[in-house]
Amino acid sequence: MKDSPKKDDVLKANIDLHTALASTYETDQPHYLPENKALVSARLARFASTSGNDVLIDLGCGTGFIIDLALPYYKTIFGIDITPAMLSKVNLSLEKVKLFQFNTESIPLDGNIANAVTANSFLHHLYDIRPTIAEAYRLLKNGGVFYSEEDPNAYFWESMKSLSECSDEVKNSYSDILNRELSNTLKAHKKIEVLKGVDAQVVQMAEYQKMVKGGMRPEEIEAIFHEIGFSKVNVEYYWFLGQAKITHQFSSEVSENIEYFLRSVLPLSKHLFKYLRVEAWK
C-alpha cells in the first residue's frame, strides 16, 4: 500500500467492502458455522445470567450474527453499524431489536444502559480501537461486560509472513494445510478482489488492524482497556492452525485436547492461534 490510510479512508473502505459482501455475508463467513454459533450463543447466555439481561448493544452488527444469537437471552438489543446494506439484512421481526446507522465512536444512546456490549469480528476493521472501546465503556452499566471475537493475533500473522518469505525450496516442503493458511492469510485481499470486485487496496484498508498493521497484540489490547477504565480484562488466544480439519476429520474432543495442550505451553504456542477473544468488565 503506497500511502498510509487515514481514519476516513478506513471508514469509507469498510462501507464499500461490506456493501459488496452484504448479499452473501451469512454464507461466506466462517463464524456462521453451526459449531461456532453454538459456542458464541453459550457465552451470550452466560453473560446474560451473570451481568444482567436487560440490554445488549452490538457494535459492528453487520447482518445480525450476534443479534440473532442474543434474542433468547436479552430483553432489548441495539445494533450499530455504518453500512446500510448490512443493516438491511438484519431481522427486525421482533420489537426488541433496534438499529442505528452510526460510527461506533459516537452513538446516540444514553450512558450506563447496557449489560453487555459486543463486537464480533469488528475491532480489526477500525483505524483506532480506542474511541470505540471508550464508547463501549460509556454505554455499559457497572458490572457490565464487553465481548469480542475473531480479531487477528499479530503473532500468528508474523509467523505466516515469515514463512512466506522463505526460499522456494523451503516452501515446497510445507504441508497442504500450511500452504492453504498462507494463502488465506496473506492473499485474502486479492481473492476478494477477484470474487467480489472490490479493489484489493480497499479490502486491506477495511481490515486495517489486520492487513495494514499486521494483527493485534493481546498485551496492547489489555493495556487499552485498562487505560479506559475496565476493572478486569481477559484477552484469550483461540482457534489454532488446523483446528477445523482436526474437528471434522476426527472429533471435537480431539480438537479440545490439542487446544488444551497448546494453551498449557503458552506463551511458546501463541503464534499457532489465529484469533483473539476479549472479555472485559466495567
Protein backbone atom coordinates (compact mmCIF):
# COMPACT_ATOMS: atom_id res chain seq x y z
CA MET A 1 0.00 0.00 0.00
CA LYS A 2 1.64 3.21 -1.21
CA ASP A 3 0.05 5.78 1.11
CA SER A 4 -0.87 5.33 4.75
CA PRO A 5 -4.68 5.34 5.07
CA LYS A 6 -6.41 7.94 7.24
CA LYS A 7 -9.39 7.32 9.53
CA ASP A 8 -11.92 8.49 6.91
CA ASP A 9 -10.28 6.27 4.29
CA VAL A 10 -10.69 3.25 6.54
CA LEU A 11 -14.32 4.10 7.28
CA LYS A 12 -15.19 4.52 3.60
CA ALA A 13 -13.34 1.31 2.70
CA ASN A 14 -15.42 -0.58 5.23
CA ILE A 15 -18.65 0.77 3.77
CA ASP A 16 -17.52 -0.14 0.24
CA LEU A 17 -16.34 -3.62 1.19
CA HIS A 18 -19.33 -4.57 3.31
CA THR A 19 -21.78 -3.22 0.76
CA ALA A 20 -20.25 -5.67 -1.69
CA LEU A 21 -20.28 -8.53 0.84
CA ALA A 22 -23.76 -7.99 2.32
CA SER A 23 -25.80 -10.22 -0.01
CA THR A 24 -23.71 -13.35 0.67
CA TYR A 25 -22.17 -12.47 4.04
CA GLU A 26 -24.03 -15.11 6.04
CA THR A 27 -22.98 -17.93 3.71
CA ASP A 28 -19.39 -16.78 3.19
CA GLN A 29 -18.20 -16.03 6.72
CA PRO A 30 -16.82 -18.89 8.87
CA HIS A 31 -18.31 -17.58 12.10
CA TYR A 32 -21.73 -18.65 10.79
CA LEU A 33 -20.72 -22.32 11.03
CA PRO A 34 -23.05 -24.17 13.44
CA GLU A 35 -20.28 -25.17 15.85
CA ASN A 36 -19.13 -21.56 16.23
CA LYS A 37 -22.68 -20.24 16.63
CA ALA A 38 -23.22 -22.73 19.46
CA LEU A 39 -20.08 -21.54 21.28
CA VAL A 40 -20.95 -17.85 20.93
CA SER A 41 -24.54 -18.49 21.98
CA ALA A 42 -23.33 -20.20 25.16
CA ARG A 43 -21.18 -17.18 26.02
CA LEU A 44 -24.07 -14.77 25.48
CA ALA A 45 -26.25 -16.90 27.75
CA ARG A 46 -23.54 -16.83 30.43
CA PHE A 47 -23.17 -13.05 30.19
CA ALA A 48 -26.95 -12.58 30.47
CA SER A 49 -27.04 -14.69 33.62
CA THR A 50 -24.06 -13.03 35.30
CA SER A 51 -24.24 -9.39 34.16
CA GLY A 52 -27.98 -8.96 33.60
CA ASN A 53 -30.18 -9.38 30.55
CA ASP A 54 -31.97 -6.05 30.04
CA VAL A 55 -29.88 -4.53 27.21
CA LEU A 56 -27.24 -5.78 24.77
CA ILE A 57 -25.58 -3.38 22.32
CA ASP A 58 -23.83 -4.95 19.33
CA LEU A 59 -21.15 -2.82 17.68
CA GLY A 60 -20.49 -3.51 14.01
CA CYS A 61 -23.59 -5.68 14.00
CA GLY A 62 -23.42 -6.43 10.27
CA THR A 63 -26.30 -8.62 9.12
CA GLY A 64 -27.19 -9.60 12.68
CA PHE A 65 -24.97 -12.52 13.69
CA ILE A 66 -24.85 -11.59 17.40
CA ILE A 67 -28.36 -10.12 17.36
CA ASP A 68 -29.92 -13.40 16.25
CA LEU A 69 -27.98 -15.40 18.83
CA ALA A 70 -28.81 -12.94 21.62
CA LEU A 71 -32.58 -12.94 21.04
CA PRO A 72 -33.36 -15.68 23.59
CA TYR A 73 -31.32 -14.02 26.33
CA TYR A 74 -31.84 -10.22 26.21
CA LYS A 75 -34.94 -8.05 26.54
CA THR A 76 -33.67 -5.23 24.28
CA ILE A 77 -30.96 -5.39 21.62
CA PHE A 78 -29.42 -2.40 19.83
CA GLY A 79 -27.43 -2.99 16.64
CA ILE A 80 -24.92 -0.36 15.48
CA ASP A 81 -23.34 -0.38 12.01
CA ILE A 82 -22.16 2.16 9.43
CA THR A 83 -23.16 0.20 6.30
CA PRO A 84 -26.82 0.43 5.17
CA ALA A 85 -26.54 -2.71 3.01
CA MET A 86 -25.57 -4.78 6.06
CA LEU A 87 -28.27 -3.29 8.29
CA SER A 88 -30.89 -4.04 5.64
CA LYS A 89 -30.28 -7.78 6.19
CA VAL A 90 -30.96 -7.71 9.95
CA ASN A 91 -34.11 -9.49 11.09
CA LEU A 92 -36.38 -6.80 12.53
CA SER A 93 -39.42 -9.01 13.08
CA LEU A 94 -39.19 -8.50 16.86
CA GLU A 95 -39.75 -5.13 18.53
CA LYS A 96 -36.90 -5.80 20.94
CA VAL A 97 -34.35 -5.18 18.13
CA LYS A 98 -33.48 -1.58 17.25
CA LEU A 99 -30.87 -0.49 14.70
CA PHE A 100 -28.71 2.63 14.35
CA GLN A 101 -26.59 3.60 11.35
CA PHE A 102 -23.70 5.30 13.12
CA ASN A 103 -19.95 5.28 13.53
CA THR A 104 -19.22 3.33 16.73
CA GLU A 105 -17.08 6.19 18.06
CA SER A 106 -20.21 8.25 18.81
CA ILE A 107 -23.51 6.51 19.48
CA PRO A 108 -26.72 8.45 20.25
CA LEU A 109 -27.68 6.42 23.32
CA ASP A 110 -27.54 7.31 27.00
CA GLY A 111 -24.63 6.01 29.04
CA ASN A 112 -24.79 3.25 31.65
CA ILE A 113 -27.63 1.38 29.95
CA ALA A 114 -26.09 -1.88 28.68
CA ASN A 115 -25.50 -5.14 30.48
CA ALA A 116 -23.36 -6.29 27.55
CA VAL A 117 -21.61 -4.65 24.60
CA THR A 118 -20.42 -6.99 21.86
CA ALA A 119 -18.17 -6.53 18.81
CA ASN A 120 -17.86 -9.79 16.92
CA SER A 121 -15.20 -9.75 14.17
CA PHE A 122 -15.22 -5.96 14.28
CA LEU A 123 -12.34 -4.32 16.15
CA HIS A 124 -9.77 -5.11 13.45
CA HIS A 125 -11.81 -3.07 10.97
CA LEU A 126 -11.19 0.12 12.96
CA TYR A 127 -8.44 2.66 12.33
CA ASP A 128 -8.04 3.03 16.09
CA ILE A 129 -9.91 0.86 18.58
CA ARG A 130 -9.63 3.32 21.50
CA PRO A 131 -12.60 5.62 20.72
CA THR A 132 -14.90 2.65 20.18
CA ILE A 133 -13.77 0.92 23.37
CA ALA A 134 -14.28 4.19 25.27
CA GLU A 135 -17.80 4.40 23.86
CA ALA A 136 -18.47 0.80 24.90
CA TYR A 137 -17.31 1.67 28.41
CA ARG A 138 -19.64 4.70 28.49
CA LEU A 139 -22.62 2.58 27.42
CA LEU A 140 -22.04 -0.20 29.93
CA LYS A 141 -23.56 -0.34 33.39
CA ASN A 142 -21.23 -1.04 36.28
CA GLY A 143 -20.64 -4.79 36.23
CA GLY A 144 -21.45 -4.93 32.51
CA VAL A 145 -19.33 -6.98 30.12
CA PHE A 146 -17.65 -6.22 26.79
CA TYR A 147 -17.16 -9.20 24.50
CA SER A 148 -15.42 -9.53 21.12
CA GLU A 149 -14.08 -12.37 19.00
CA GLU A 150 -12.36 -13.13 15.71
CA ASP A 151 -9.75 -10.41 15.73
CA PRO A 152 -6.32 -11.29 14.28
CA ASN A 153 -3.50 -12.42 16.54
CA ALA A 154 -0.39 -10.48 15.46
CA TYR A 155 1.93 -13.31 16.49
CA PHE A 156 0.16 -15.69 14.11
CA TRP A 157 0.34 -13.15 11.30
CA GLU A 158 4.03 -12.54 11.89
CA SER A 159 4.69 -16.27 11.63
CA MET A 160 2.72 -16.52 8.37
CA LYS A 161 4.61 -13.59 6.88
CA SER A 162 7.96 -15.05 7.95
CA LEU A 163 7.11 -18.43 6.40
CA SER A 164 6.03 -16.77 3.16
CA GLU A 165 9.45 -15.13 2.83
CA CYS A 166 11.40 -18.39 2.92
CA SER A 167 13.07 -19.80 -0.16
CA ASP A 168 11.04 -21.77 -2.71
CA GLU A 169 12.91 -24.90 -1.67
CA VAL A 170 11.72 -24.49 1.91
CA LYS A 171 8.17 -23.54 0.89
CA ASN A 172 7.91 -26.67 -1.27
CA SER A 173 8.20 -28.72 1.92
CA TYR A 174 5.15 -27.06 3.53
CA SER A 175 2.09 -29.19 4.18
CA ASP A 176 -1.18 -28.60 2.33
CA ILE A 177 -2.79 -27.17 5.44
CA LEU A 178 0.06 -24.67 5.91
CA ASN A 179 0.01 -23.62 2.26
CA ARG A 180 -3.74 -23.13 2.41
CA GLU A 181 -3.43 -21.00 5.55
CA LEU A 182 -0.68 -18.90 3.98
CA SER A 183 -2.94 -18.22 1.03
CA ASN A 184 -5.99 -17.47 3.19
CA THR A 185 -3.99 -15.18 5.45
CA LEU A 186 -1.77 -13.25 3.07
CA LYS A 187 -3.75 -13.28 -0.18
CA ALA A 188 -7.31 -12.80 1.08
CA HIS A 189 -7.50 -9.22 -0.26
CA LYS A 190 -6.62 -10.41 -3.76
CA LYS A 191 -9.17 -13.24 -3.61
CA ILE A 192 -11.91 -10.83 -2.57
CA GLU A 193 -10.95 -8.51 -5.42
CA VAL A 194 -11.48 -11.36 -7.89
CA LEU A 195 -14.66 -12.76 -6.29
CA LYS A 196 -16.42 -9.56 -5.25
CA GLY A 197 -14.92 -6.90 -7.49
CA VAL A 198 -13.61 -4.81 -4.60
CA ASP A 199 -10.18 -3.28 -5.14
CA ALA A 200 -7.55 -5.18 -3.14
CA GLN A 201 -6.30 -1.96 -1.50
CA VAL A 202 -9.83 -1.16 -0.35
CA VAL A 203 -10.03 -4.61 1.27
CA GLN A 204 -6.72 -4.01 3.02
CA MET A 205 -7.88 -0.64 4.35
CA ALA A 206 -11.19 -2.13 5.51
CA GLU A 207 -9.31 -4.71 7.59
CA TYR A 208 -6.86 -2.10 8.79
CA GLN A 209 -5.67 -3.68 12.05
CA LYS A 210 -5.08 -6.99 10.26
CA MET A 211 -3.91 -6.31 6.72
CA VAL A 212 -2.18 -2.96 7.22
CA LYS A 213 -0.93 -3.16 10.82
CA GLY A 214 -0.32 -6.92 10.79
CA GLY A 215 -2.66 -8.03 13.55
CA MET A 216 -3.42 -7.16 17.16
CA ARG A 217 -1.39 -7.92 20.29
CA PRO A 218 -3.10 -9.14 23.47
CA GLU A 219 -0.90 -7.10 25.77
CA GLU A 220 -1.65 -3.88 23.86
CA ILE A 221 -5.39 -4.59 23.85
CA GLU A 222 -5.36 -5.28 27.58
CA ALA A 223 -3.49 -2.03 28.26
CA ILE A 224 -6.02 0.00 26.24
CA PHE A 225 -8.98 -1.48 28.10
CA HIS A 226 -7.39 -0.81 31.48
CA GLU A 227 -6.48 2.75 30.49
CA ILE A 228 -10.10 3.40 29.55
CA GLY A 229 -11.25 2.13 32.94
CA PHE A 230 -12.27 -1.52 32.67
CA SER A 231 -11.70 -3.25 36.00
CA LYS A 232 -10.98 -6.74 34.63
CA VAL A 233 -9.75 -7.72 31.18
CA ASN A 234 -9.17 -11.17 29.75
CA VAL A 235 -7.64 -11.48 26.26
CA GLU A 236 -7.52 -15.07 25.07
CA TYR A 237 -5.84 -16.79 22.13
CA TYR A 238 -8.10 -19.21 20.26
CA TRP A 239 -8.57 -21.22 17.06
CA PHE A 240 -5.26 -22.98 16.44
CA LEU A 241 -3.86 -23.71 12.99
CA GLY A 242 -5.71 -26.71 11.54
CA GLN A 243 -8.43 -26.80 14.20
CA ALA A 244 -11.27 -27.03 11.69
CA LYS A 245 -9.64 -30.01 9.97
CA ILE A 246 -8.99 -31.77 13.28
CA THR A 247 -12.58 -31.21 14.38
CA HIS A 248 -14.14 -32.50 11.18
CA GLN A 249 -11.66 -35.28 10.42
CA PHE A 250 -11.50 -36.61 13.97
CA SER A 251 -13.78 -35.11 16.62
CA SER A 252 -14.44 -32.09 18.79
CA GLU A 253 -12.91 -33.99 21.69
CA VAL A 254 -9.60 -34.45 19.88
CA SER A 255 -9.63 -30.77 18.91
CA GLU A 256 -10.29 -29.74 22.51
CA ASN A 257 -7.44 -31.91 23.78
CA ILE A 258 -5.00 -30.36 21.33
CA GLU A 259 -6.19 -26.88 22.24
CA TYR A 260 -5.80 -27.68 25.94
CA PHE A 261 -2.21 -28.80 25.35
CA LEU A 262 -1.34 -25.71 23.27
CA ARG A 263 -2.75 -23.47 25.99
CA SER A 264 -0.70 -25.31 28.59
CA VAL A 265 2.53 -24.32 26.82
CA LEU A 266 1.69 -20.64 26.28
CA PRO A 267 3.33 -18.27 25.58
CA LEU A 268 5.50 -20.59 23.47
CA SER A 269 2.49 -21.60 21.34
CA LYS A 270 0.99 -18.12 20.92
CA HIS A 271 1.94 -17.93 17.24
CA LEU A 272 -0.21 -21.01 16.49
CA PHE A 273 -3.53 -19.35 17.43
CA LYS A 274 -5.21 -17.34 14.69
CA TYR A 275 -7.64 -15.20 16.67
CA LEU A 276 -8.09 -13.21 19.87
CA ARG A 277 -11.12 -13.13 22.16
CA VAL A 278 -11.74 -10.29 24.62
CA GLU A 279 -13.92 -10.28 27.73
CA ALA A 280 -13.76 -7.14 29.87
CA TRP A 281 -15.88 -5.91 32.77
CA LYS A 282 -16.69 -2.35 33.81
